[in-house]
């Protein structure tokens, strides 16, 4: 499974390694604390350039599908539900804290129709990204 993470150049070097260094306890997003990737290279690149300008980078993950399938995954199918959860988390100031208690959350983005996001939130999920995927900075 291919997935993309938009970031800055220094972070991409740390993430790719060696050793690989994804940390699911850092950062947050629409669905709370975790490490976010998406299925769209264009969206990851656009996010990175918008946030980091000329210092932007995209990390491509080629995730071992057998390892991914062993993770407990929550699927949120509706964009409206993601949007409501995101607004609630922002109101409660928990966008960098909230966990669903699964390994991975797969959902649409709250405000973008064109792509899917994956939030890796557990140490098991972190292990898959660090030890069961090929990573390269684009």
Protein backbone atom coordinates (compact mmCIF):
# COMPACT_ATOMS: atom_id res chain seq x y z
CA UNK A 1 0.00 0.00 0.00
CA UNK A 2 1.42 3.39 -0.96
CA UNK A 3 0.82 6.41 1.25
CA UNK A 4 2.25 9.93 1.42
CA UNK A 5 3.14 12.34 4.23
CA UNK A 6 3.73 16.03 3.57
CA UNK A 7 6.35 17.60 5.83
CA UNK A 8 9.55 19.67 5.89
CA UNK A 9 12.94 18.50 4.59
CA UNK A 10 14.53 17.98 8.02
CA UNK A 11 11.59 15.94 9.30
CA UNK A 12 11.62 13.83 6.14
CA UNK A 13 15.26 12.89 6.80
CA UNK A 14 14.39 11.82 10.36
CA UNK A 15 11.28 9.90 9.26
CA UNK A 16 13.07 8.02 6.46
CA UNK A 17 16.19 7.26 8.50
CA UNK A 18 18.05 5.03 8.96
CA UNK A 19 16.81 4.25 11.43
CA UNK A 20 13.20 5.06 10.51
CA UNK A 21 11.70 7.32 13.12
CA UNK A 22 7.94 7.73 12.84
CA UNK A 23 6.52 8.75 16.23
CA UNK A 24 2.74 8.44 16.61
CA UNK A 25 2.78 10.34 19.91
CA UNK A 26 3.77 13.59 18.20
CA UNK A 27 1.44 15.82 16.29
CA UNK A 28 -2.26 15.85 15.76
CA UNK A 29 -4.82 16.48 13.11
CA UNK A 30 -8.49 16.29 12.28
CA UNK A 31 -8.90 13.05 14.20
CA UNK A 32 -6.57 13.62 17.13
CA UNK A 33 -3.08 12.47 18.02
CA UNK A 34 -1.20 10.30 15.57
CA UNK A 35 0.89 10.16 12.43
CA UNK A 36 -1.09 11.00 9.31
CA UNK A 37 -0.59 9.80 5.76
CA UNK A 38 -2.85 9.98 2.75
CA UNK A 39 -3.40 8.20 -0.52
CA UNK A 40 -2.77 11.31 -2.66
CA UNK A 41 0.73 12.43 -3.61
CA UNK A 42 -0.70 15.71 -4.95
CA UNK A 43 -2.46 16.49 -1.67
CA UNK A 44 0.62 15.66 0.44
CA UNK A 45 2.78 17.88 -1.78
CA UNK A 46 0.24 20.72 -1.69
CA UNK A 47 0.01 20.51 2.11
CA UNK A 48 3.80 20.51 2.49
CA UNK A 49 4.33 23.47 0.16
CA UNK A 50 1.50 25.40 1.82
CA UNK A 51 2.99 24.89 5.27
CA UNK A 52 6.75 24.79 4.59
CA UNK A 53 7.24 26.54 1.25
CA UNK A 54 10.61 25.85 -0.36
CA UNK A 55 11.56 23.69 2.65
CA UNK A 56 8.81 21.18 1.85
CA UNK A 57 9.17 17.45 1.29
CA UNK A 58 6.95 14.43 0.81
CA UNK A 59 7.71 11.02 2.30
CA UNK A 60 6.43 8.05 0.33
CA UNK A 61 5.62 4.93 2.34
CA UNK A 62 5.32 1.53 0.67
CA UNK A 63 3.60 -0.29 3.53
CA UNK A 64 3.72 -4.07 3.74
CA UNK A 65 0.10 -5.07 3.19
CA UNK A 66 0.33 -8.24 5.31
CA UNK A 67 1.55 -6.21 8.28
CA UNK A 68 -1.09 -3.52 7.68
CA UNK A 69 -3.90 -6.09 7.61
CA UNK A 70 -2.94 -7.26 11.11
CA UNK A 71 -3.70 -3.80 12.53
CA UNK A 72 -7.05 -3.00 14.12
CA UNK A 73 -8.62 -0.43 11.80
CA UNK A 74 -11.57 1.90 12.33
CA UNK A 75 -13.18 3.15 9.14
CA UNK A 76 -15.15 6.39 9.23
CA UNK A 77 -17.05 6.47 5.96
CA UNK A 78 -18.70 9.88 5.97
CA UNK A 79 -16.95 13.19 5.52
CA UNK A 80 -19.66 14.93 7.58
CA UNK A 81 -18.86 12.76 10.60
CA UNK A 82 -15.14 13.55 10.28
CA UNK A 83 -16.00 17.24 10.08
CA UNK A 84 -18.18 17.07 13.24
CA UNK A 85 -15.50 15.15 15.16
CA UNK A 86 -12.82 17.62 14.03
CA UNK A 87 -14.92 20.62 15.15
CA UNK A 88 -15.65 18.90 18.49
CA UNK A 89 -11.96 18.07 19.06
CA UNK A 90 -10.97 21.65 18.24
CA UNK A 91 -13.60 23.03 20.63
CA UNK A 92 -12.35 20.72 23.40
CA UNK A 93 -8.67 21.39 22.52
CA UNK A 94 -7.89 17.70 22.07
CA UNK A 95 -6.67 17.61 18.45
CA UNK A 96 -3.21 16.67 19.74
CA UNK A 97 -4.49 14.21 22.37
CA UNK A 98 -7.55 12.24 21.24
CA UNK A 99 -7.18 8.52 20.52
CA UNK A 100 -9.84 6.13 19.19
CA UNK A 101 -8.21 3.10 20.84
CA UNK A 102 -7.40 1.34 17.55
CA UNK A 103 -4.22 1.07 15.51
CA UNK A 104 -5.33 2.99 12.41
CA UNK A 105 -8.24 5.26 11.55
CA UNK A 106 -9.13 5.44 7.86
CA UNK A 107 -11.42 8.25 6.74
CA UNK A 108 -12.10 10.97 4.24
CA UNK A 109 -10.78 14.42 5.08
CA UNK A 110 -13.18 16.81 6.83
CA UNK A 111 -13.02 19.41 4.08
CA UNK A 112 -11.50 17.63 1.06
CA UNK A 113 -13.42 15.20 -1.13
CA UNK A 114 -10.58 13.88 -3.27
CA UNK A 115 -8.53 11.71 -0.92
CA UNK A 116 -8.43 9.34 2.03
CA UNK A 117 -6.38 9.82 5.20
CA UNK A 118 -4.92 7.23 7.54
CA UNK A 119 -4.16 8.14 11.14
CA UNK A 120 -1.66 5.72 12.69
CA UNK A 121 -2.20 6.08 16.45
CA UNK A 122 -0.82 3.01 18.26
CA UNK A 123 2.66 1.66 18.90
CA UNK A 124 1.75 -1.38 16.76
CA UNK A 125 0.91 0.98 13.90
CA UNK A 126 4.14 2.89 14.49
CA UNK A 127 6.02 -0.41 14.29
CA UNK A 128 4.49 -1.14 10.87
CA UNK A 129 5.57 2.26 9.54
CA UNK A 130 9.09 1.98 10.98
CA UNK A 131 9.82 -1.70 10.36
CA UNK A 132 7.39 -3.00 7.73
CA UNK A 133 7.51 -0.30 5.10
CA UNK A 134 9.94 1.16 2.63
CA UNK A 135 10.26 4.93 2.95
CA UNK A 136 11.78 7.52 0.70
CA UNK A 137 11.77 11.28 0.55
CA UNK A 138 10.47 12.70 -2.71
